[in-house]
Full PDB file with SEQRES, HELIX, SHEET, SSBOND, CRYST1, ORIGX, SCALE, CONECT and MASTER records, all heavy atoms in Angstrom:
SEQRES   1 A   35  ASP SER ASP ASN GLY LEU PHE GLU PHE MET VAL LEU GLU          
SEQRES   2 A   35  LEU ILE ARG ARG ALA GLY ASP PHE GLY VAL THR GLN LEU          
SEQRES   3 A   35  SER LEU ASN PHE ALA MET PHE ARG ALA                          
HELIX    1 AA1 LEU A    6  ARG A   16  1                                  11    
HELIX    2 AA2 ALA A   18  PHE A   21  5                                   4    
CRYST1    1.000    1.000    1.000  90.00  90.00  90.00 P 1           1          
ORIGX1      1.000000  0.000000  0.000000        0.00000                         
ORIGX2      0.000000  1.000000  0.000000        0.00000                         
ORIGX3      0.000000  0.000000  1.000000        0.00000                         
SCALE1      1.000000  0.000000  0.000000        0.00000                         
SCALE2      0.000000  1.000000  0.000000        0.00000                         
SCALE3      0.000000  0.000000  1.000000        0.00000                         
ATOM      1  N   ASP A   1       0.849  -1.249   0.024  1.00  0.00           N  
ATOM      2  CA  ASP A   1      -0.014  -0.004  -0.061  1.00  0.00           C  
ATOM      3  C   ASP A   1       0.820   1.246   0.059  1.00  0.00           C  
ATOM      4  O   ASP A   1       0.282   2.377   0.026  1.00  0.00           O  
ATOM      5  CB  ASP A   1      -0.911   0.012   1.221  1.00  0.00           C  
ATOM      6  CG  ASP A   1      -1.913  -1.147   1.236  1.00  0.00           C  
ATOM      7  OD1 ASP A   1      -2.297  -1.551   0.119  1.00  0.00           O  
ATOM      8  OD2 ASP A   1      -2.310  -1.621   2.357  1.00  0.00           O  
ATOM      9  N   SER A   2       2.115   1.106   0.011  1.00  0.00           N  
ATOM     10  CA  SER A   2       3.122   2.312   0.009  1.00  0.00           C  
ATOM     11  C   SER A   2       3.257   2.824  -1.430  1.00  0.00           C  
ATOM     12  O   SER A   2       2.855   2.217  -2.351  1.00  0.00           O  
ATOM     13  CB  SER A   2       4.441   1.914   0.695  1.00  0.00           C  
ATOM     14  OG  SER A   2       5.048   0.920  -0.136  1.00  0.00           O  
ATOM     15  N   ASP A   3       3.918   3.983  -1.427  1.00  0.00           N  
ATOM     16  CA  ASP A   3       4.176   4.626  -2.746  1.00  0.00           C  
ATOM     17  C   ASP A   3       5.221   3.810  -3.528  1.00  0.00           C  
ATOM     18  O   ASP A   3       6.063   3.117  -2.989  1.00  0.00           O  
ATOM     19  CB  ASP A   3       4.734   6.027  -2.500  1.00  0.00           C  
ATOM     20  CG  ASP A   3       3.653   6.941  -1.882  1.00  0.00           C  
ATOM     21  OD1 ASP A   3       2.449   6.680  -2.070  1.00  0.00           O  
ATOM     22  OD2 ASP A   3       4.006   7.887  -1.110  1.00  0.00           O  
ATOM     23  N   ASN A   4       5.170   3.937  -4.877  1.00  0.00           N  
ATOM     24  CA  ASN A   4       6.253   3.427  -5.731  1.00  0.00           C  
ATOM     25  C   ASN A   4       7.553   4.226  -5.616  1.00  0.00           C  
ATOM     26  O   ASN A   4       7.443   5.415  -5.234  1.00  0.00           O  
ATOM     27  CB  ASN A   4       5.782   3.370  -7.240  1.00  0.00           C  
ATOM     28  CG  ASN A   4       4.588   2.514  -7.351  1.00  0.00           C  
ATOM     29  OD1 ASN A   4       4.539   1.370  -6.738  1.00  0.00           O  
ATOM     30  ND2 ASN A   4       3.677   2.754  -8.265  1.00  0.00           N  
ATOM     31  N   GLY A   5       8.610   3.586  -5.944  1.00  0.00           N  
ATOM     32  CA  GLY A   5       9.937   4.260  -5.857  1.00  0.00           C  
ATOM     33  C   GLY A   5      10.678   4.123  -4.607  1.00  0.00           C  
ATOM     34  O   GLY A   5      11.726   4.711  -4.452  1.00  0.00           O  
ATOM     35  N   LEU A   6      10.091   3.422  -3.602  1.00  0.00           N  
ATOM     36  CA  LEU A   6      10.792   3.314  -2.315  1.00  0.00           C  
ATOM     37  C   LEU A   6      12.152   2.612  -2.483  1.00  0.00           C  
ATOM     38  O   LEU A   6      13.099   2.985  -1.785  1.00  0.00           O  
ATOM     39  CB  LEU A   6       9.955   2.589  -1.249  1.00  0.00           C  
ATOM     40  CG  LEU A   6       8.662   3.262  -0.805  1.00  0.00           C  
ATOM     41  CD1 LEU A   6       7.973   2.558   0.320  1.00  0.00           C  
ATOM     42  CD2 LEU A   6       8.862   4.726  -0.464  1.00  0.00           C  
ATOM     43  N   PHE A   7      12.235   1.544  -3.221  1.00  0.00           N  
ATOM     44  CA  PHE A   7      13.451   0.790  -3.360  1.00  0.00           C  
ATOM     45  C   PHE A   7      14.483   1.700  -4.031  1.00  0.00           C  
ATOM     46  O   PHE A   7      15.711   1.690  -3.560  1.00  0.00           O  
ATOM     47  CB  PHE A   7      13.225  -0.479  -4.177  1.00  0.00           C  
ATOM     48  CG  PHE A   7      12.510  -1.522  -3.393  1.00  0.00           C  
ATOM     49  CD1 PHE A   7      11.636  -2.320  -4.022  1.00  0.00           C  
ATOM     50  CD2 PHE A   7      12.579  -1.651  -2.056  1.00  0.00           C  
ATOM     51  CE1 PHE A   7      10.918  -3.387  -3.363  1.00  0.00           C  
ATOM     52  CE2 PHE A   7      11.923  -2.609  -1.326  1.00  0.00           C  
ATOM     53  CZ  PHE A   7      11.064  -3.481  -2.061  1.00  0.00           C  
ATOM     54  N   GLU A   8      14.183   2.472  -5.036  1.00  0.00           N  
ATOM     55  CA  GLU A   8      15.156   3.338  -5.623  1.00  0.00           C  
ATOM     56  C   GLU A   8      15.596   4.383  -4.655  1.00  0.00           C  
ATOM     57  O   GLU A   8      16.892   4.648  -4.505  1.00  0.00           O  
ATOM     58  CB  GLU A   8      14.591   4.024  -6.849  1.00  0.00           C  
ATOM     59  CG  GLU A   8      14.270   3.111  -8.080  1.00  0.00           C  
ATOM     60  CD  GLU A   8      12.927   2.508  -8.001  1.00  0.00           C  
ATOM     61  OE1 GLU A   8      12.306   2.336  -6.872  1.00  0.00           O  
ATOM     62  OE2 GLU A   8      12.429   1.921  -9.003  1.00  0.00           O  
ATOM     63  N   PHE A   9      14.744   4.945  -3.863  1.00  0.00           N  
ATOM     64  CA  PHE A   9      15.074   5.954  -2.858  1.00  0.00           C  
ATOM     65  C   PHE A   9      16.080   5.323  -1.832  1.00  0.00           C  
ATOM     66  O   PHE A   9      17.060   5.907  -1.378  1.00  0.00           O  
ATOM     67  CB  PHE A   9      13.778   6.369  -2.143  1.00  0.00           C  
ATOM     68  CG  PHE A   9      13.994   7.325  -1.075  1.00  0.00           C  
ATOM     69  CD1 PHE A   9      14.419   8.599  -1.316  1.00  0.00           C  
ATOM     70  CD2 PHE A   9      13.661   6.998   0.238  1.00  0.00           C  
ATOM     71  CE1 PHE A   9      14.611   9.628  -0.257  1.00  0.00           C  
ATOM     72  CE2 PHE A   9      13.861   7.869   1.297  1.00  0.00           C  
ATOM     73  CZ  PHE A   9      14.338   9.223   1.004  1.00  0.00           C  
ATOM     74  N   MET A  10      15.790   4.083  -1.428  1.00  0.00           N  
ATOM     75  CA  MET A  10      16.632   3.410  -0.335  1.00  0.00           C  
ATOM     76  C   MET A  10      17.978   3.086  -0.936  1.00  0.00           C  
ATOM     77  O   MET A  10      19.036   3.290  -0.268  1.00  0.00           O  
ATOM     78  CB  MET A  10      15.943   2.161   0.116  1.00  0.00           C  
ATOM     79  CG  MET A  10      14.565   2.432   0.770  1.00  0.00           C  
ATOM     80  SD  MET A  10      13.633   0.999   1.140  1.00  0.00           S  
ATOM     81  CE  MET A  10      14.527   0.272   2.502  1.00  0.00           C  
ATOM     82  N   VAL A  11      18.002   2.533  -2.192  1.00  0.00           N  
ATOM     83  CA  VAL A  11      19.399   2.293  -2.759  1.00  0.00           C  
ATOM     84  C   VAL A  11      20.272   3.484  -2.936  1.00  0.00           C  
ATOM     85  O   VAL A  11      21.455   3.517  -2.609  1.00  0.00           O  
ATOM     86  CB  VAL A  11      19.183   1.518  -4.076  1.00  0.00           C  
ATOM     87  CG1 VAL A  11      20.531   1.371  -4.819  1.00  0.00           C  
ATOM     88  CG2 VAL A  11      18.590   0.162  -3.899  1.00  0.00           C  
ATOM     89  N   LEU A  12      19.682   4.596  -3.366  1.00  0.00           N  
ATOM     90  CA  LEU A  12      20.371   5.853  -3.546  1.00  0.00           C  
ATOM     91  C   LEU A  12      20.869   6.444  -2.194  1.00  0.00           C  
ATOM     92  O   LEU A  12      21.939   6.979  -2.053  1.00  0.00           O  
ATOM     93  CB  LEU A  12      19.590   6.821  -4.245  1.00  0.00           C  
ATOM     94  CG  LEU A  12      19.273   6.611  -5.769  1.00  0.00           C  
ATOM     95  CD1 LEU A  12      18.608   7.779  -6.434  1.00  0.00           C  
ATOM     96  CD2 LEU A  12      20.534   6.309  -6.507  1.00  0.00           C  
ATOM     97  N   GLU A  13      19.998   6.253  -1.188  1.00  0.00           N  
ATOM     98  CA  GLU A  13      20.421   6.626   0.147  1.00  0.00           C  
ATOM     99  C   GLU A  13      21.585   5.829   0.660  1.00  0.00           C  
ATOM    100  O   GLU A  13      22.491   6.379   1.260  1.00  0.00           O  
ATOM    101  CB  GLU A  13      19.207   6.539   1.115  1.00  0.00           C  
ATOM    102  CG  GLU A  13      18.225   7.674   1.060  1.00  0.00           C  
ATOM    103  CD  GLU A  13      18.869   8.969   1.575  1.00  0.00           C  
ATOM    104  OE1 GLU A  13      19.300   9.047   2.749  1.00  0.00           O  
ATOM    105  OE2 GLU A  13      18.944   9.905   0.766  1.00  0.00           O  
ATOM    106  N   LEU A  14      21.645   4.538   0.377  1.00  0.00           N  
ATOM    107  CA  LEU A  14      22.701   3.692   0.769  1.00  0.00           C  
ATOM    108  C   LEU A  14      23.953   4.067   0.071  1.00  0.00           C  
ATOM    109  O   LEU A  14      25.076   4.179   0.616  1.00  0.00           O  
ATOM    110  CB  LEU A  14      22.373   2.156   0.506  1.00  0.00           C  
ATOM    111  CG  LEU A  14      23.470   1.229   0.830  1.00  0.00           C  
ATOM    112  CD1 LEU A  14      23.815   1.269   2.246  1.00  0.00           C  
ATOM    113  CD2 LEU A  14      23.019  -0.215   0.475  1.00  0.00           C  
ATOM    114  N   ILE A  15      23.854   4.339  -1.240  1.00  0.00           N  
ATOM    115  CA  ILE A  15      25.008   4.708  -2.006  1.00  0.00           C  
ATOM    116  C   ILE A  15      25.589   6.082  -1.450  1.00  0.00           C  
ATOM    117  O   ILE A  15      26.785   6.261  -1.326  1.00  0.00           O  
ATOM    118  CB  ILE A  15      24.648   4.811  -3.540  1.00  0.00           C  
ATOM    119  CG1 ILE A  15      24.348   3.401  -4.057  1.00  0.00           C  
ATOM    120  CG2 ILE A  15      25.789   5.451  -4.277  1.00  0.00           C  
ATOM    121  CD1 ILE A  15      23.819   3.524  -5.470  1.00  0.00           C  
ATOM    122  N   ARG A  16      24.707   6.976  -1.124  1.00  0.00           N  
ATOM    123  CA  ARG A  16      25.061   8.226  -0.643  1.00  0.00           C  
ATOM    124  C   ARG A  16      25.740   8.151   0.696  1.00  0.00           C  
ATOM    125  O   ARG A  16      26.701   8.944   0.961  1.00  0.00           O  
ATOM    126  CB  ARG A  16      23.832   9.131  -0.505  1.00  0.00           C  
ATOM    127  CG  ARG A  16      24.134  10.680  -0.148  1.00  0.00           C  
ATOM    128  CD  ARG A  16      22.963  11.463  -0.228  1.00  0.00           C  
ATOM    129  NE  ARG A  16      21.958  11.123   0.739  1.00  0.00           N  
ATOM    130  CZ  ARG A  16      21.952  11.660   1.994  1.00  0.00           C  
ATOM    131  NH1 ARG A  16      22.868  12.429   2.373  1.00  0.00           N  
ATOM    132  NH2 ARG A  16      21.003  11.203   2.842  1.00  0.00           N  
ATOM    133  N   ARG A  17      25.340   7.203   1.559  1.00  0.00           N  
ATOM    134  CA  ARG A  17      26.002   7.114   2.917  1.00  0.00           C  
ATOM    135  C   ARG A  17      26.914   5.925   2.981  1.00  0.00           C  
ATOM    136  O   ARG A  17      27.251   5.462   4.002  1.00  0.00           O  
ATOM    137  CB  ARG A  17      24.882   6.981   3.934  1.00  0.00           C  
ATOM    138  CG  ARG A  17      23.891   8.196   4.058  1.00  0.00           C  
ATOM    139  CD  ARG A  17      22.999   7.931   5.194  1.00  0.00           C  
ATOM    140  NE  ARG A  17      21.595   8.048   4.828  1.00  0.00           N  
ATOM    141  CZ  ARG A  17      20.576   7.747   5.628  1.00  0.00           C  
ATOM    142  NH1 ARG A  17      20.862   7.247   6.877  1.00  0.00           N  
ATOM    143  NH2 ARG A  17      19.361   7.904   5.205  1.00  0.00           N  
ATOM    144  N   ALA A  18      27.348   5.347   1.861  1.00  0.00           N  
ATOM    145  CA  ALA A  18      28.158   4.072   1.876  1.00  0.00           C  
ATOM    146  C   ALA A  18      29.444   4.390   2.570  1.00  0.00           C  
ATOM    147  O   ALA A  18      29.983   3.429   3.306  1.00  0.00           O  
ATOM    148  CB  ALA A  18      28.442   3.667   0.482  1.00  0.00           C  
ATOM    149  N   GLY A  19      30.043   5.509   2.548  1.00  0.00           N  
ATOM    150  CA  GLY A  19      31.252   5.891   3.196  1.00  0.00           C  
ATOM    151  C   GLY A  19      31.170   5.615   4.754  1.00  0.00           C  
ATOM    152  O   GLY A  19      32.134   5.294   5.326  1.00  0.00           O  
ATOM    153  N   ASP A  20      30.014   5.914   5.234  1.00  0.00           N  
ATOM    154  CA  ASP A  20      29.838   5.722   6.733  1.00  0.00           C  
ATOM    155  C   ASP A  20      30.034   4.335   7.208  1.00  0.00           C  
ATOM    156  O   ASP A  20      30.311   4.145   8.383  1.00  0.00           O  
ATOM    157  CB  ASP A  20      28.517   6.289   7.151  1.00  0.00           C  
ATOM    158  CG  ASP A  20      28.311   7.768   6.871  1.00  0.00           C  
ATOM    159  OD1 ASP A  20      29.271   8.414   6.677  1.00  0.00           O  
ATOM    160  OD2 ASP A  20      27.097   8.198   6.812  1.00  0.00           O  
ATOM    161  N   PHE A  21      29.820   3.420   6.292  1.00  0.00           N  
ATOM    162  CA  PHE A  21      29.947   2.012   6.593  1.00  0.00           C  
ATOM    163  C   PHE A  21      31.118   1.349   5.931  1.00  0.00           C  
ATOM    164  O   PHE A  21      31.301   0.095   5.954  1.00  0.00           O  
ATOM    165  CB  PHE A  21      28.681   1.239   6.203  1.00  0.00           C  
ATOM    166  CG  PHE A  21      27.455   1.668   6.947  1.00  0.00           C  
ATOM    167  CD1 PHE A  21      26.746   2.809   6.454  1.00  0.00           C  
ATOM    168  CD2 PHE A  21      27.006   1.107   8.015  1.00  0.00           C  
ATOM    169  CE1 PHE A  21      25.602   3.251   7.148  1.00  0.00           C  
ATOM    170  CE2 PHE A  21      25.930   1.520   8.721  1.00  0.00           C  
ATOM    171  CZ  PHE A  21      25.180   2.547   8.275  1.00  0.00           C  
ATOM    172  N   GLY A  22      31.998   2.149   5.339  1.00  0.00           N  
ATOM    173  CA  GLY A  22      33.223   1.556   4.652  1.00  0.00           C  
ATOM    174  C   GLY A  22      32.866   0.730   3.395  1.00  0.00           C  
ATOM    175  O   GLY A  22      33.617  -0.136   3.095  1.00  0.00           O  
ATOM    176  N   VAL A  23      31.794   1.010   2.750  1.00  0.00           N  
ATOM    177  CA  VAL A  23      31.340   0.279   1.539  1.00  0.00           C  
ATOM    178  C   VAL A  23      31.701   0.945   0.292  1.00  0.00           C  
ATOM    179  O   VAL A  23      31.486   2.192   0.134  1.00  0.00           O  
ATOM    180  CB  VAL A  23      29.784   0.094   1.660  1.00  0.00           C  
ATOM    181  CG1 VAL A  23      29.326  -0.608   0.368  1.00  0.00           C  
ATOM    182  CG2 VAL A  23      29.341  -0.707   2.813  1.00  0.00           C  
ATOM    183  N   THR A  24      32.422   0.196  -0.552  1.00  0.00           N  
ATOM    184  CA  THR A  24      32.802   0.736  -1.854  1.00  0.00           C  
ATOM    185  C   THR A  24      32.086   0.031  -3.054  1.00  0.00           C  
ATOM    186  O   THR A  24      32.249   0.466  -4.184  1.00  0.00           O  
ATOM    187  CB  THR A  24      34.276   0.553  -2.090  1.00  0.00           C  
ATOM    188  OG1 THR A  24      34.592  -0.895  -2.022  1.00  0.00           O  
ATOM    189  CG2 THR A  24      35.073   1.301  -0.897  1.00  0.00           C  
ATOM    190  N   GLN A  25      31.389  -1.088  -2.866  1.00  0.00           N  
ATOM    191  CA  GLN A  25      30.680  -1.746  -3.930  1.00  0.00           C  
ATOM    192  C   GLN A  25      29.484  -2.415  -3.384  1.00  0.00           C  
ATOM    193  O   GLN A  25      29.464  -2.928  -2.284  1.00  0.00           O  
ATOM    194  CB  GLN A  25      31.622  -2.774  -4.573  1.00  0.00           C  
ATOM    195  CG  GLN A  25      32.207  -3.792  -3.592  1.00  0.00           C  
ATOM    196  CD  GLN A  25      33.302  -4.670  -4.267  1.00  0.00           C  
ATOM    197  OE1 GLN A  25      33.411  -4.700  -5.531  1.00  0.00           O  
ATOM    198  NE2 GLN A  25      34.062  -5.477  -3.501  1.00  0.00           N  
ATOM    199  N   LEU A  26      28.489  -2.437  -4.297  1.00  0.00           N  
ATOM    200  CA  LEU A  26      27.114  -3.103  -3.966  1.00  0.00           C  
ATOM    201  C   LEU A  26      26.837  -4.123  -5.006  1.00  0.00           C  
ATOM    202  O   LEU A  26      26.947  -3.924  -6.180  1.00  0.00           O  
ATOM    203  CB  LEU A  26      26.001  -2.035  -3.922  1.00  0.00           C  
ATOM    204  CG  LEU A  26      25.965  -0.991  -2.821  1.00  0.00           C  
ATOM    205  CD1 LEU A  26      24.753  -0.098  -3.006  1.00  0.00           C  
ATOM    206  CD2 LEU A  26      25.838  -1.752  -1.490  1.00  0.00           C  
ATOM    207  N   SER A  27      26.362  -5.285  -4.521  1.00  0.00           N  
ATOM    208  CA  SER A  27      25.820  -6.367  -5.449  1.00  0.00           C  
ATOM    209  C   SER A  27      24.315  -6.325  -5.266  1.00  0.00           C  
ATOM    210  O   SER A  27      23.736  -6.482  -4.269  1.00  0.00           O  
ATOM    211  CB  SER A  27      26.313  -7.662  -5.099  1.00  0.00           C  
ATOM    212  OG  SER A  27      25.747  -8.704  -5.834  1.00  0.00           O  
ATOM    213  N   LEU A  28      23.651  -5.953  -6.500  1.00  0.00           N  
ATOM    214  CA  LEU A  28      22.172  -5.890  -6.413  1.00  0.00           C  
ATOM    215  C   LEU A  28      21.607  -7.273  -6.990  1.00  0.00           C  
ATOM    216  O   LEU A  28      22.232  -8.304  -6.914  1.00  0.00           O  
ATOM    217  CB  LEU A  28      21.696  -4.745  -7.238  1.00  0.00           C  
ATOM    218  CG  LEU A  28      22.250  -3.441  -6.689  1.00  0.00           C  
ATOM    219  CD1 LEU A  28      21.734  -2.174  -7.532  1.00  0.00           C  
ATOM    220  CD2 LEU A  28      21.796  -3.119  -5.263  1.00  0.00           C  
ATOM    221  N   ASN A  29      20.477  -7.194  -7.497  1.00  0.00           N  
ATOM    222  CA  ASN A  29      19.748  -8.340  -7.979  1.00  0.00           C  
ATOM    223  C   ASN A  29      20.433  -9.016  -9.135  1.00  0.00           C  
ATOM    224  O   ASN A  29      21.152  -8.381  -9.974  1.00  0.00           O  
ATOM    225  CB  ASN A  29      18.332  -8.108  -8.390  1.00  0.00           C  
ATOM    226  CG  ASN A  29      17.379  -8.161  -7.278  1.00  0.00           C  
ATOM    227  OD1 ASN A  29      17.432  -9.032  -6.352  1.00  0.00           O  
ATOM    228  ND2 ASN A  29      16.439  -7.245  -7.042  1.00  0.00           N  
ATOM    229  N   PHE A  30      20.153 -10.184  -9.396  1.00  0.00           N  
ATOM    230  CA  PHE A  30      20.614 -11.092 -10.511  1.00  0.00           C  
ATOM    231  C   PHE A  30      19.660 -10.982 -11.678  1.00  0.00           C  
ATOM    232  O   PHE A  30      18.382 -11.119 -11.349  1.00  0.00           O  
ATOM    233  CB  PHE A  30      20.728 -12.546 -10.055  1.00  0.00           C  
ATOM    234  CG  PHE A  30      21.011 -13.452 -11.142  1.00  0.00           C  
ATOM    235  CD1 PHE A  30      22.277 -13.536 -11.796  1.00  0.00           C  
ATOM    236  CD2 PHE A  30      20.060 -14.343 -11.674  1.00  0.00           C  
ATOM    237  CE1 PHE A  30      22.580 -14.318 -12.797  1.00  0.00           C  
ATOM    238  CE2 PHE A  30      20.295 -15.192 -12.658  1.00  0.00           C  
ATOM    239  CZ  PHE A  30      21.499 -15.299 -13.271  1.00  0.00           C  
ATOM    240  N   ALA A  31      20.110 -10.668 -12.842  1.00  0.00           N  
ATOM    241  CA  ALA A  31      19.225 -10.479 -13.991  1.00  0.00           C  
ATOM    242  C   ALA A  31      19.453 -11.765 -14.903  1.00  0.00           C  
ATOM    243  O   ALA A  31      20.413 -11.792 -15.582  1.00  0.00           O  
ATOM    244  CB  ALA A  31      19.518  -9.287 -14.745  1.00  0.00           C  
ATOM    245  N   MET A  32      18.463 -12.629 -14.849  1.00  0.00           N  
ATOM    246  CA  MET A  32      18.555 -13.823 -15.673  1.00  0.00           C  
ATOM    247  C   MET A  32      18.368 -13.463 -17.176  1.00  0.00           C  
ATOM    248  O   MET A  32      17.525 -12.672 -17.514  1.00  0.00           O  
ATOM    249  CB  MET A  32      17.518 -14.887 -15.246  1.00  0.00           C  
ATOM    250  CG  MET A  32      17.641 -16.227 -15.945  1.00  0.00           C  
ATOM    251  SD  MET A  32      16.526 -17.446 -15.243  1.00  0.00           S  
ATOM    252  CE  MET A  32      17.344 -17.871 -13.727  1.00  0.00           C  
ATOM    253  N   PHE A  33      19.353 -14.121 -17.992  1.00  0.00           N  
ATOM    254  CA  PHE A  33      19.159 -13.828 -19.419  1.00  0.00           C  
ATOM    255  C   PHE A  33      19.287 -12.389 -19.802  1.00  0.00           C  
ATOM    256  O   PHE A  33      18.616 -11.963 -20.748  1.00  0.00           O  
ATOM    257  CB  PHE A  33      17.929 -14.522 -20.043  1.00  0.00           C  
ATOM    258  CG  PHE A  33      17.703 -15.918 -19.729  1.00  0.00           C  
ATOM    259  CD1 PHE A  33      16.616 -16.340 -19.051  1.00  0.00           C  
ATOM    260  CD2 PHE A  33      18.721 -16.818 -20.122  1.00  0.00           C  
ATOM    261  CE1 PHE A  33      16.431 -17.638 -18.739  1.00  0.00           C  
ATOM    262  CE2 PHE A  33      18.494 -18.205 -19.788  1.00  0.00           C  
ATOM    263  CZ  PHE A  33      17.338 -18.606 -19.133  1.00  0.00           C  
ATOM    264  N   ARG A  34      20.109 -11.633 -19.009  1.00  0.00           N  
ATOM    265  CA  ARG A  34      20.267 -10.146 -19.305  1.00  0.00           C  
ATOM    266  C   ARG A  34      20.713  -9.853 -20.712  1.00  0.00           C  
ATOM    267  O   ARG A  34      20.213  -8.940 -21.393  1.00  0.00           O  
ATOM    268  CB  ARG A  34      21.205  -9.549 -18.286  1.00  0.00           C  
ATOM    269  CG  ARG A  34      21.271  -8.038 -18.204  1.00  0.00           C  
ATOM    270  CD  ARG A  34      22.251  -7.524 -19.185  1.00  0.00           C  
ATOM    271  NE  ARG A  34      23.588  -8.132 -19.143  1.00  0.00           N  
ATOM    272  CZ  ARG A  34      24.573  -7.676 -19.876  1.00  0.00           C  
ATOM    273  NH1 ARG A  34      24.398  -6.702 -20.707  1.00  0.00           N  
ATOM    274  NH2 ARG A  34      25.724  -8.323 -19.787  1.00  0.00           N  
ATOM    275  N   ALA A  35      21.674 -10.640 -21.210  1.00  0.00           N  
ATOM    276  CA  ALA A  35      22.122 -10.350 -22.585  1.00  0.00           C  
ATOM    277  C   ALA A  35      21.107 -10.551 -23.624  1.00  0.00           C  
ATOM    278  O   ALA A  35      21.183  -9.850 -24.706  1.00  0.00           O  
ATOM    279  CB  ALA A  35      23.329 -11.345 -22.805  1.00  0.00           C  
TER     280      ALA A  35                                                      
MASTER        0    0    0    2    0    0    0    6  279    1    0    3          
END                                                                             
């Protein structure tokens, strides 16, 4: 029942604050047959 776009908002917030947690790379979802 929540608004769309929450996941995009959360991922960008994590990227923005990644330095606070010593994070330099993120592995997101697996895309089957992406090619």
